[in-house]
Amino acid sequence: MHIKDETIAILKQFEIGNKFSYLPTLPKASVLIPLFVKDEKLHTLMTLRSKELRTSGGEVCFPGGKRDPSDIDDVDTALREAEEEIGLPPDDVQVVCRLFPIINKSGLLVTPVVGFIDASFCPCPNPTEVSAVFTVPLEFFTSEKDHYAVHGAAEMVGPLHSFYFLDPDSGSRYHIWGLTAMLAILVAALALRKNPGFEVGFDSDDPLSFFQQFLHKRISKL
């Protein structure tokens, strides 16, 4: 089986369906975690937010943002935001699944949407929102080499993860941390069927209970 088809089959097992329908009504957001195959390895695409943005300016993120009243669902939000931020046409994304939602520091319920894009996709970043687009091998997020962690961080269940990635194409060094790092680790662990070389707090075979605990702790603080 081709690596893409195998990865899709694995990730579909973690589609959340209605598992979190019991959550209280919260303001919603979605991010798109775009995967593609290059040199027979899985990669993901990430963005550096513009420093001019009021929230999370200058931080590394996946394409995404708040739910718009016109959005049909979480997937629609993720695809719309990816098109607005990096020029990725929704029809060019093969949506695979929605993973466990997480409440971010602003109190938004963020749903990660995983999808495959073509390796030849050429981003057209919107300069008002995105200052750079870069790609990272997915296995990077399972290696201890460039990983750092802070334990006991406020409102966290498990460690606060942090990576420093040197982009070989541009020579730029990117700091990937917090929610974005957690989501990258989650997708890497699930897709590669590989436990990271550092403590993550969840079992890659059955991560549901960890993320439910994470959600419940954040909800209790709201």
C-alpha atoms as a PDB file:
ATOM      1  CA  MET A   1       0.000   0.000   0.000  1.00  0.00           C
ATOM      2  CA  HIS A   2       1.290   3.493  -0.871  1.00  0.00           C
ATOM      3  CA  ILE A   3       2.350   5.633   2.103  1.00  0.00           C
ATOM      4  CA  LYS A   4      -0.452   8.136   1.461  1.00  0.00           C
ATOM      5  CA  ASP A   5      -3.184   5.481   1.340  1.00  0.00           C
ATOM      6  CA  GLU A   6      -1.749   3.783   4.418  1.00  0.00           C
ATOM      7  CA  THR A   7      -1.663   7.055   6.341  1.00  0.00           C
ATOM      8  CA  ILE A   8      -5.251   7.890   5.383  1.00  0.00           C
ATOM      9  CA  ALA A   9      -6.413   4.470   6.580  1.00  0.00           C
ATOM     10  CA  ILE A  10      -4.624   4.969   9.918  1.00  0.00           C
ATOM     11  CA  LEU A  11      -5.850   8.511  10.568  1.00  0.00           C
ATOM     12  CA  LYS A  12      -9.466   7.758   9.664  1.00  0.00           C
ATOM     13  CA  GLN A  13      -9.572   5.516  12.740  1.00  0.00           C
ATOM     14  CA  PHE A  14      -9.221   8.652  14.902  1.00  0.00           C
ATOM     15  CA  GLU A  15     -12.050  10.684  13.317  1.00  0.00           C
ATOM     16  CA  ILE A  16     -13.892  12.163  16.301  1.00  0.00           C
ATOM     17  CA  GLY A  17     -17.404  11.909  14.878  1.00  0.00           C
ATOM     18  CA  ASN A  18     -19.806  12.989  17.656  1.00  0.00           C
ATOM     19  CA  LYS A  19     -17.546  12.025  20.569  1.00  0.00           C
ATOM     20  CA  PHE A  20     -17.357  15.629  21.784  1.00  0.00           C
ATOM     21  CA  SER A  21     -20.937  16.693  21.108  1.00  0.00           C
ATOM     22  CA  TYR A  22     -21.524  16.891  24.875  1.00  0.00           C
ATOM     23  CA  LEU A  23     -19.200  19.898  25.243  1.00  0.00           C
ATOM     24  CA  PRO A  24     -20.747  23.233  26.227  1.00  0.00           C
ATOM     25  CA  THR A  25     -21.275  25.788  23.472  1.00  0.00           C
ATOM     26  CA  LEU A  26     -17.983  27.598  22.980  1.00  0.00           C
ATOM     27  CA  PRO A  27     -16.626  29.923  20.292  1.00  0.00           C
ATOM     28  CA  LYS A  28     -15.059  27.707  17.631  1.00  0.00           C
ATOM     29  CA  ALA A  29     -12.018  27.694  15.389  1.00  0.00           C
ATOM     30  CA  SER A  30     -10.359  25.159  13.102  1.00  0.00           C
ATOM     31  CA  VAL A  31      -6.890  24.556  11.748  1.00  0.00           C
ATOM     32  CA  LEU A  32      -5.887  22.581   8.680  1.00  0.00           C
ATOM     33  CA  ILE A  33      -2.949  20.214   9.102  1.00  0.00           C
ATOM     34  CA  PRO A  34      -1.870  19.704   5.482  1.00  0.00           C
ATOM     35  CA  LEU A  35       0.114  16.533   4.783  1.00  0.00           C
ATOM     36  CA  PHE A  36       1.950  15.534   1.637  1.00  0.00           C
ATOM     37  CA  VAL A  37       4.451  12.917   0.529  1.00  0.00           C
ATOM     38  CA  LYS A  38       7.918  13.986  -0.593  1.00  0.00           C
ATOM     39  CA  ASP A  39      10.818  11.602  -1.175  1.00  0.00           C
ATOM     40  CA  GLU A  40       8.652   8.777   0.202  1.00  0.00           C
ATOM     41  CA  LYS A  41       8.257  10.571   3.535  1.00  0.00           C
ATOM     42  CA  LEU A  42       5.378  12.454   5.127  1.00  0.00           C
ATOM     43  CA  HIS A  43       5.696  16.215   5.506  1.00  0.00           C
ATOM     44  CA  THR A  44       3.446  18.960   6.814  1.00  0.00           C
ATOM     45  CA  LEU A  45       3.077  22.603   5.871  1.00  0.00           C
ATOM     46  CA  MET A  46       3.184  25.373   8.486  1.00  0.00           C
ATOM     47  CA  THR A  47       2.944  29.163   8.509  1.00  0.00           C
ATOM     48  CA  LEU A  48       4.553  32.035  10.364  1.00  0.00           C
ATOM     49  CA  ARG A  49       1.899  34.543  11.328  1.00  0.00           C
ATOM     50  CA  SER A  50       2.440  38.192  10.496  1.00  0.00           C
ATOM     51  CA  LYS A  51       3.855  40.229  13.378  1.00  0.00           C
ATOM     52  CA  GLU A  52       1.150  42.806  12.677  1.00  0.00           C
ATOM     53  CA  LEU A  53      -1.640  40.494  13.844  1.00  0.00           C
ATOM     54  CA  ARG A  54      -3.171  41.288  17.227  1.00  0.00           C
ATOM     55  CA  THR A  55      -3.283  37.666  18.391  1.00  0.00           C
ATOM     56  CA  SER A  56      -0.330  35.272  18.177  1.00  0.00           C
ATOM     57  CA  GLY A  57       1.583  37.656  15.903  1.00  0.00           C
ATOM     58  CA  GLY A  58       4.946  36.251  14.807  1.00  0.00           C
ATOM     59  CA  GLU A  59       4.101  32.712  15.958  1.00  0.00           C
ATOM     60  CA  VAL A  60       4.218  29.484  13.957  1.00  0.00           C
ATOM     61  CA  CYS A  61       0.765  28.021  13.292  1.00  0.00           C
ATOM     62  CA  PHE A  62      -1.126  25.753  10.979  1.00  0.00           C
ATOM     63  CA  PRO A  63      -3.456  27.570   8.571  1.00  0.00           C
ATOM     64  CA  GLY A  64      -6.728  28.288  10.338  1.00  0.00           C
ATOM     65  CA  GLY A  65      -8.862  30.659  12.321  1.00  0.00           C
ATOM     66  CA  LYS A  66     -12.251  31.408  13.872  1.00  0.00           C
ATOM     67  CA  ARG A  67     -15.535  29.962  12.667  1.00  0.00           C
ATOM     68  CA  ASP A  68     -17.371  32.323  10.325  1.00  0.00           C
ATOM     69  CA  PRO A  69     -21.205  32.471  10.417  1.00  0.00           C
ATOM     70  CA  SER A  70     -21.218  31.314   6.783  1.00  0.00           C
ATOM     71  CA  ASP A  71     -19.141  28.191   7.527  1.00  0.00           C
ATOM     72  CA  ILE A  72     -21.065  24.918   7.399  1.00  0.00           C
ATOM     73  CA  ASP A  73     -18.846  23.059   9.860  1.00  0.00           C
ATOM     74  CA  ASP A  74     -15.306  22.720  11.259  1.00  0.00           C
ATOM     75  CA  VAL A  75     -13.962  21.379   7.963  1.00  0.00           C
ATOM     76  CA  ASP A  76     -15.433  24.335   6.059  1.00  0.00           C
ATOM     77  CA  THR A  77     -13.719  26.746   8.467  1.00  0.00           C
ATOM     78  CA  ALA A  78     -10.323  25.084   8.053  1.00  0.00           C
ATOM     79  CA  LEU A  79     -10.528  25.013   4.245  1.00  0.00           C
ATOM     80  CA  ARG A  80     -11.756  28.619   3.981  1.00  0.00           C
ATOM     81  CA  GLU A  81      -9.008  29.895   6.245  1.00  0.00           C
ATOM     82  CA  ALA A  82      -6.317  27.930   4.363  1.00  0.00           C
ATOM     83  CA  GLU A  83      -7.474  29.461   1.094  1.00  0.00           C
ATOM     84  CA  GLU A  84      -7.496  32.968   2.587  1.00  0.00           C
ATOM     85  CA  GLU A  85      -4.087  32.617   4.253  1.00  0.00           C
ATOM     86  CA  ILE A  86      -1.977  30.654   1.766  1.00  0.00           C
ATOM     87  CA  GLY A  87      -4.072  30.405  -1.418  1.00  0.00           C
ATOM     88  CA  LEU A  88      -4.851  26.693  -1.062  1.00  0.00           C
ATOM     89  CA  PRO A  89      -8.011  25.882  -3.073  1.00  0.00           C
ATOM     90  CA  PRO A  90     -10.456  23.783  -0.992  1.00  0.00           C
ATOM     91  CA  ASP A  91     -10.905  21.355  -3.894  1.00  0.00           C
ATOM     92  CA  ASP A  92      -7.165  20.607  -3.759  1.00  0.00           C
ATOM     93  CA  VAL A  93      -7.443  19.202  -0.221  1.00  0.00           C
ATOM     94  CA  GLN A  94      -8.340  15.568   0.372  1.00  0.00           C
ATOM     95  CA  VAL A  95      -9.868  15.814   3.843  1.00  0.00           C
ATOM     96  CA  VAL A  96      -9.027  12.769   5.959  1.00  0.00           C
ATOM     97  CA  CYS A  97     -10.436  13.369   9.439  1.00  0.00           C
ATOM     98  CA  ARG A  98     -11.107  15.712  12.341  1.00  0.00           C
ATOM     99  CA  LEU A  99      -9.005  15.049  15.426  1.00  0.00           C
ATOM    100  CA  PHE A 100      -9.530  15.827  19.119  1.00  0.00           C
ATOM    101  CA  PRO A 101     -10.467  19.475  19.756  1.00  0.00           C
ATOM    102  CA  ILE A 102      -8.391  21.573  22.139  1.00  0.00           C
ATOM    103  CA  ILE A 103      -9.287  24.810  23.939  1.00  0.00           C
ATOM    104  CA  ASN A 104      -6.595  27.388  23.222  1.00  0.00           C
ATOM    105  CA  LYS A 105      -5.334  30.244  25.397  1.00  0.00           C
ATOM    106  CA  SER A 106      -8.074  32.545  24.036  1.00  0.00           C
ATOM    107  CA  GLY A 107     -10.848  30.134  25.021  1.00  0.00           C
ATOM    108  CA  LEU A 108     -11.578  28.981  21.470  1.00  0.00           C
ATOM    109  CA  LEU A 109     -12.476  25.335  20.849  1.00  0.00           C
ATOM    110  CA  VAL A 110      -9.987  24.473  18.104  1.00  0.00           C
ATOM    111  CA  THR A 111     -10.661  21.431  15.910  1.00  0.00           C
ATOM    112  CA  PRO A 112      -7.709  20.078  13.893  1.00  0.00           C
ATOM    113  CA  VAL A 113      -8.662  18.955  10.377  1.00  0.00           C
ATOM    114  CA  VAL A 114      -6.141  16.690   8.646  1.00  0.00           C
ATOM    115  CA  GLY A 115      -5.978  16.604   4.865  1.00  0.00           C
ATOM    116  CA  PHE A 116      -3.628  15.650   2.052  1.00  0.00           C
ATOM    117  CA  ILE A 117      -2.415  18.166  -0.514  1.00  0.00           C
ATOM    118  CA  ASP A 118      -0.240  17.731  -3.575  1.00  0.00           C
ATOM    119  CA  ALA A 119       3.503  18.004  -2.997  1.00  0.00           C
ATOM    120  CA  SER A 120       3.685  20.452  -5.911  1.00  0.00           C
ATOM    121  CA  PHE A 121       1.403  23.003  -4.210  1.00  0.00           C
ATOM    122  CA  CYS A 122       2.977  26.476  -4.292  1.00  0.00           C
ATOM    123  CA  PRO A 123       1.686  28.696  -1.453  1.00  0.00           C
ATOM    124  CA  CYS A 124       0.593  32.273  -2.106  1.00  0.00           C
ATOM    125  CA  PRO A 125       0.670  33.737   1.413  1.00  0.00           C
ATOM    126  CA  ASN A 126      -1.589  36.660   2.257  1.00  0.00           C
ATOM    127  CA  PRO A 127       0.954  39.177   3.624  1.00  0.00           C
ATOM    128  CA  THR A 128      -1.540  40.709   6.047  1.00  0.00           C
ATOM    129  CA  GLU A 129      -1.823  37.354   7.831  1.00  0.00           C
ATOM    130  CA  VAL A 130       1.199  35.222   6.914  1.00  0.00           C
ATOM    131  CA  SER A 131       4.848  36.237   6.642  1.00  0.00           C
ATOM    132  CA  ALA A 132       6.274  32.812   5.690  1.00  0.00           C
ATOM    133  CA  VAL A 133       5.247  29.288   4.693  1.00  0.00           C
ATOM    134  CA  PHE A 134       7.540  26.315   5.222  1.00  0.00           C
ATOM    135  CA  THR A 135       7.423  22.526   5.323  1.00  0.00           C
ATOM    136  CA  VAL A 136       8.638  20.122   7.999  1.00  0.00           C
ATOM    137  CA  PRO A 137       9.180  16.342   7.810  1.00  0.00           C
ATOM    138  CA  LEU A 138       6.586  14.784  10.084  1.00  0.00           C
ATOM    139  CA  GLU A 139       9.172  12.583  11.786  1.00  0.00           C
ATOM    140  CA  PHE A 140      10.830  15.761  13.103  1.00  0.00           C
ATOM    141  CA  PHE A 141       8.049  15.924  15.692  1.00  0.00           C
ATOM    142  CA  THR A 142       8.916  12.502  17.116  1.00  0.00           C
ATOM    143  CA  SER A 143      12.634  13.169  17.616  1.00  0.00           C
ATOM    144  CA  GLU A 144      14.137  14.293  20.907  1.00  0.00           C
ATOM    145  CA  LYS A 145      17.018  16.083  19.154  1.00  0.00           C
ATOM    146  CA  ASP A 146      15.369  19.500  18.697  1.00  0.00           C
ATOM    147  CA  HIS A 147      12.651  19.109  21.322  1.00  0.00           C
ATOM    148  CA  TYR A 148      12.344  20.985  24.604  1.00  0.00           C
ATOM    149  CA  ALA A 149       9.626  20.801  27.230  1.00  0.00           C
ATOM    150  CA  VAL A 150       8.414  22.750  30.244  1.00  0.00           C
ATOM    151  CA  HIS A 151       6.553  20.772  32.878  1.00  0.00           C
ATOM    152  CA  GLY A 152       3.869  22.195  35.131  1.00  0.00           C
ATOM    153  CA  ALA A 153       2.900  24.981  32.734  1.00  0.00           C
ATOM    154  CA  ALA A 154      -0.368  26.720  33.626  1.00  0.00           C
ATOM    155  CA  GLU A 155      -3.535  25.166  32.210  1.00  0.00           C
ATOM    156  CA  MET A 156      -1.594  22.332  30.580  1.00  0.00           C
ATOM    157  CA  VAL A 157      -2.119  18.607  30.935  1.00  0.00           C
ATOM    158  CA  GLY A 158       1.304  17.116  30.341  1.00  0.00           C
ATOM    159  CA  PRO A 159       4.360  19.083  29.205  1.00  0.00           C
ATOM    160  CA  LEU A 160       4.415  22.290  27.150  1.00  0.00           C
ATOM    161  CA  HIS A 161       6.286  21.266  23.989  1.00  0.00           C
ATOM    162  CA  SER A 162       8.745  23.378  22.041  1.00  0.00           C
ATOM    163  CA  PHE A 163      10.836  22.738  18.903  1.00  0.00           C
ATOM    164  CA  TYR A 164      13.404  24.722  16.963  1.00  0.00           C
ATOM    165  CA  PHE A 165      13.362  23.886  13.252  1.00  0.00           C
ATOM    166  CA  LEU A 166      16.018  25.049  10.782  1.00  0.00           C
ATOM    167  CA  ASP A 167      14.439  25.241   7.342  1.00  0.00           C
ATOM    168  CA  PRO A 168      17.023  23.939   4.855  1.00  0.00           C
ATOM    169  CA  ASP A 169      15.350  25.789   1.975  1.00  0.00           C
ATOM    170  CA  SER A 170      15.398  29.307   3.444  1.00  0.00           C
ATOM    171  CA  GLY A 171      17.946  28.997   6.242  1.00  0.00           C
ATOM    172  CA  SER A 172      15.346  30.444   8.635  1.00  0.00           C
ATOM    173  CA  ARG A 173      14.963  29.074  12.156  1.00  0.00           C
ATOM    174  CA  TYR A 174      11.435  28.631  13.428  1.00  0.00           C
ATOM    175  CA  HIS A 175      10.193  28.191  16.990  1.00  0.00           C
ATOM    176  CA  ILE A 176       7.249  25.769  17.051  1.00  0.00           C
ATOM    177  CA  TRP A 177       5.579  25.521  20.440  1.00  0.00           C
ATOM    178  CA  GLY A 178       2.384  25.295  22.460  1.00  0.00           C
ATOM    179  CA  LEU A 179      -0.833  24.140  20.812  1.00  0.00           C
ATOM    180  CA  THR A 180       0.751  23.963  17.355  1.00  0.00           C
ATOM    181  CA  ALA A 181       3.554  21.741  18.623  1.00  0.00           C
ATOM    182  CA  MET A 182       1.083  19.506  20.445  1.00  0.00           C
ATOM    183  CA  LEU A 183      -1.010  19.037  17.295  1.00  0.00           C
ATOM    184  CA  ALA A 184       2.083  18.329  15.182  1.00  0.00           C
ATOM    185  CA  ILE A 185       3.242  15.707  17.702  1.00  0.00           C
ATOM    186  CA  LEU A 186      -0.212  14.125  17.763  1.00  0.00           C
ATOM    187  CA  VAL A 187      -0.461  13.803  13.979  1.00  0.00           C
ATOM    188  CA  ALA A 188       3.122  12.550  13.714  1.00  0.00           C
ATOM    189  CA  ALA A 189       2.619   9.914  16.403  1.00  0.00           C
ATOM    190  CA  LEU A 190      -0.641   8.682  14.878  1.00  0.00           C
ATOM    191  CA  ALA A 191       0.373   8.796  11.214  1.00  0.00           C
ATOM    192  CA  LEU A 192       3.818   7.275  11.701  1.00  0.00           C
ATOM    193  CA  ARG A 193       2.584   4.804  14.337  1.00  0.00           C
ATOM    194  CA  LYS A 194       5.560   5.847  16.404  1.00  0.00           C
ATOM    195  CA  ASN A 195       5.877   6.922  20.018  1.00  0.00           C
ATOM    196  CA  PRO A 196       7.978  10.117  20.205  1.00  0.00           C
ATOM    197  CA  GLY A 197      11.359   9.952  21.895  1.00  0.00           C
ATOM    198  CA  PHE A 198      10.103  12.183  24.725  1.00  0.00           C
ATOM    199  CA  GLU A 199       7.192  12.271  27.160  1.00  0.00           C
ATOM    200  CA  VAL A 200       3.954  13.346  25.509  1.00  0.00           C
ATOM    201  CA  GLY A 201       1.386  12.331  28.105  1.00  0.00           C
ATOM    202  CA  PHE A 202      -0.774  10.322  25.705  1.00  0.00           C
ATOM    203  CA  ASP A 203      -0.746   6.801  24.317  1.00  0.00           C
ATOM    204  CA  SER A 204      -0.430   6.961  20.524  1.00  0.00           C
ATOM    205  CA  ASP A 205      -2.579   3.818  20.255  1.00  0.00           C
ATOM    206  CA  ASP A 206      -5.394   5.369  22.288  1.00  0.00           C
ATOM    207  CA  PRO A 207      -4.958   9.124  22.824  1.00  0.00           C
ATOM    208  CA  LEU A 208      -8.640   9.913  23.444  1.00  0.00           C
ATOM    209  CA  SER A 209      -8.553   9.879  27.257  1.00  0.00           C
ATOM    210  CA  PHE A 210      -5.623  12.326  27.389  1.00  0.00           C
ATOM    211  CA  PHE A 211      -7.351  14.876  25.188  1.00  0.00           C
ATOM    212  CA  GLN A 212     -10.622  14.523  27.073  1.00  0.00           C
ATOM    213  CA  GLN A 213      -8.720  15.249  30.288  1.00  0.00           C
ATOM    214  CA  PHE A 214      -7.049  18.234  28.621  1.00  0.00           C
ATOM    215  CA  LEU A 215     -10.448  19.591  27.532  1.00  0.00           C
ATOM    216  CA  HIS A 216     -12.111  19.101  30.884  1.00  0.00           C
ATOM    217  CA  LYS A 217      -9.297  20.907  32.699  1.00  0.00           C
ATOM    218  CA  ARG A 218      -9.523  23.888  30.339  1.00  0.00           C
ATOM    219  CA  ILE A 219     -13.327  24.008  30.535  1.00  0.00           C
ATOM    220  CA  SER A 220     -13.154  24.120  34.330  1.00  0.00           C
ATOM    221  CA  LYS A 221     -11.008  27.271  34.053  1.00  0.00           C
ATOM    222  CA  LEU A 222     -13.418  29.133  31.789  1.00  0.00           C
END
